[in-house]
Amino acid sequence: MTIGRMAWIIGAAILVLAINVGISILYVTFYSYVINRGHDEQFYQEYAQVAAPYSSIVAGIPLMFLICWRVGGWWEAEFAIKAALLVWVVYAVIDVLALVAGGMSGGMPTRMIGLAAISLITKLAAAYFGGLLGSRRV
C-alpha cells in the first residue's frame, strides 16, 4: 500500500468522525431549541453525554457504510474490502483513544462501554458491506 492510499484511508476515517460528531452536535442543538427548551446549559451538556453514544450508533452506521462504499469504489475489487476495513480500523483507534482520553478508563459505566462496543461493531459491519458493494462498482 502506498502512502497516498493510506492518506486517503486516514482522511476517510477522520471524515466519518467529524461528520458523526457534527450530527451529534446538531441533534443536541435541535433538542435544546425545539424539543426541550428552557433549561440551563448544564442540563444540555449532561443530555449530550447521554445522547451522543446513541447518535453515534444511529448516524454512524449509514455514514460508515457510505464512506466505505465510496472508498471501496476507488480501488480494484480485491483491495476494496481491505481498504474499507482499514477505514474502520483507523476510526476505531481514534475513537478508542478519544474515549480513553475522555475518562473511559477511569471508571466509565458499563452501559457506556457497551454502547461503545455496539457502536464499533455496527460500524465494522457497515464498513465491510460498504466495501463489498463498493468493490462491485468498479
Protein backbone atom coordinates (compact mmCIF):
# COMPACT_ATOMS: atom_id res chain seq x y z
CA MET A 1 0.00 0.00 0.00
CA THR A 2 1.28 3.43 -0.89
CA ILE A 3 1.44 6.42 1.41
CA GLY A 4 -1.10 8.16 -0.80
CA ARG A 5 -3.64 5.38 -0.37
CA MET A 6 -3.11 5.31 3.37
CA ALA A 7 -3.62 9.07 3.50
CA TRP A 8 -6.98 8.66 1.73
CA ILE A 9 -7.99 5.93 4.19
CA ILE A 10 -7.00 8.04 7.20
CA GLY A 11 -8.81 11.01 5.71
CA ALA A 12 -11.94 8.95 5.17
CA ALA A 13 -11.89 7.76 8.80
CA ILE A 14 -11.43 11.30 10.07
CA LEU A 15 -14.29 12.42 7.82
CA VAL A 16 -16.59 9.81 9.38
CA LEU A 17 -15.56 11.00 12.85
CA ALA A 18 -16.05 14.67 12.02
CA ILE A 19 -19.46 14.21 10.39
CA ASN A 20 -20.60 11.92 13.19
CA VAL A 21 -19.62 14.47 15.85
CA GLY A 22 -21.27 17.20 13.81
CA ILE A 23 -24.50 15.23 13.62
CA SER A 24 -24.45 14.75 17.41
CA ILE A 25 -23.94 18.48 17.92
CA LEU A 26 -26.75 19.31 15.51
CA TYR A 27 -29.06 16.86 17.24
CA VAL A 28 -28.39 18.28 20.72
CA THR A 29 -28.80 21.81 19.35
CA PHE A 30 -32.14 20.84 17.80
CA TYR A 31 -33.14 19.17 21.05
CA SER A 32 -32.29 22.26 23.08
CA TYR A 33 -34.05 24.77 20.79
CA VAL A 34 -37.04 22.78 19.57
CA ILE A 35 -37.78 19.67 21.61
CA ASN A 36 -36.98 20.59 25.20
CA ARG A 37 -36.40 24.32 25.54
CA GLY A 38 -35.85 26.42 28.62
CA HIS A 39 -33.13 24.61 30.55
CA ASP A 40 -29.69 25.82 31.56
CA GLU A 41 -26.53 24.94 29.68
CA GLN A 42 -25.51 22.27 32.21
CA PHE A 43 -28.74 20.35 31.53
CA TYR A 44 -27.98 20.18 27.81
CA GLN A 45 -24.34 19.22 28.40
CA GLU A 46 -25.49 16.32 30.55
CA TYR A 47 -28.06 15.37 27.92
CA ALA A 48 -25.34 15.43 25.25
CA GLN A 49 -23.32 12.93 27.30
CA VAL A 50 -26.29 10.56 27.28
CA ALA A 51 -27.45 11.18 23.69
CA ALA A 52 -24.09 11.21 21.87
CA PRO A 53 -23.41 7.44 22.04
CA TYR A 54 -26.86 6.69 20.61
CA SER A 55 -26.43 9.34 17.94
CA SER A 56 -23.07 7.82 17.05
CA ILE A 57 -24.70 4.44 16.52
CA VAL A 58 -27.76 5.64 14.61
CA ALA A 59 -25.97 8.12 12.37
CA GLY A 60 -22.68 6.22 12.24
CA ILE A 61 -23.97 3.07 10.57
CA PRO A 62 -25.15 4.67 7.31
CA LEU A 63 -22.29 7.16 7.42
CA MET A 64 -19.61 4.44 7.69
CA PHE A 65 -21.39 2.41 5.01
CA LEU A 66 -21.49 5.32 2.55
CA ILE A 67 -17.88 6.39 3.13
CA CYS A 68 -16.64 2.79 2.82
CA TRP A 69 -18.79 2.24 -0.26
CA ARG A 70 -17.09 5.25 -1.79
CA VAL A 71 -13.63 4.15 -0.65
CA GLY A 72 -14.31 0.63 -1.95
CA GLY A 73 -15.05 2.04 -5.38
CA TRP A 74 -11.73 3.87 -5.57
CA TRP A 75 -9.63 0.75 -5.91
CA GLU A 76 -9.64 -2.61 -7.63
CA ALA A 77 -12.07 -5.20 -6.28
CA GLU A 78 -9.53 -7.28 -4.37
CA PHE A 79 -8.42 -4.25 -2.34
CA ALA A 80 -11.83 -2.58 -1.86
CA ILE A 81 -12.93 -4.52 1.22
CA LYS A 82 -9.47 -4.27 2.78
CA ALA A 83 -9.48 -0.50 2.24
CA ALA A 84 -12.94 -0.19 3.79
CA LEU A 85 -11.88 -2.27 6.79
CA LEU A 86 -8.76 -0.13 7.17
CA VAL A 87 -11.03 2.93 7.33
CA TRP A 88 -12.83 1.23 10.22
CA VAL A 89 -9.54 0.30 11.94
CA VAL A 90 -8.31 3.91 11.80
CA TYR A 91 -11.72 5.12 13.01
CA ALA A 92 -11.74 2.58 15.86
CA VAL A 93 -8.23 3.50 17.01
CA ILE A 94 -9.05 7.21 17.09
CA ASP A 95 -12.42 6.59 18.75
CA VAL A 96 -11.00 4.34 21.47
CA LEU A 97 -8.12 6.74 22.14
CA ALA A 98 -10.62 9.61 22.47
CA LEU A 99 -12.75 7.57 24.87
CA VAL A 100 -9.73 6.68 27.00
CA ALA A 101 -8.52 10.28 26.99
CA GLY A 102 -12.02 11.40 27.91
CA GLY A 103 -12.07 9.26 31.03
CA MET A 104 -13.42 5.91 29.88
CA SER A 105 -10.52 4.11 31.52
CA GLY A 106 -11.18 5.82 34.84
CA GLY A 107 -14.40 4.13 35.82
CA MET A 108 -16.77 4.61 32.90
CA PRO A 109 -20.16 2.97 33.49
CA THR A 110 -20.69 -0.45 31.96
CA ARG A 111 -23.55 0.96 29.88
CA MET A 112 -21.15 3.38 28.17
CA ILE A 113 -18.62 0.65 27.48
CA GLY A 114 -21.40 -1.48 26.00
CA LEU A 115 -22.59 1.39 23.81
CA ALA A 116 -19.03 2.00 22.61
CA ALA A 117 -18.72 -1.69 21.72
CA ILE A 118 -22.06 -1.68 19.89
CA SER A 119 -21.01 1.44 18.03
CA LEU A 120 -17.74 -0.10 16.87
CA ILE A 121 -19.27 -3.47 15.96
CA THR A 122 -22.08 -1.94 13.91
CA LYS A 123 -19.62 0.34 12.15
CA LEU A 124 -17.42 -2.67 11.38
CA ALA A 125 -20.35 -4.41 9.70
CA ALA A 126 -21.24 -1.20 7.82
CA ALA A 127 -17.63 -0.80 6.66
CA TYR A 128 -17.49 -4.39 5.44
CA PHE A 129 -20.73 -4.19 3.47
CA GLY A 130 -19.85 -0.74 2.15
CA GLY A 131 -16.52 -2.04 0.89
CA LEU A 132 -18.18 -5.13 -0.54
CA LEU A 133 -20.72 -3.12 -2.52
CA GLY A 134 -18.07 -0.58 -3.47
CA SER A 135 -15.91 -3.34 -4.94
CA ARG A 136 -18.73 -4.24 -7.31
CA ARG A 137 -18.93 -0.69 -8.72
CA VAL A 138 -15.52 -0.95 -10.35
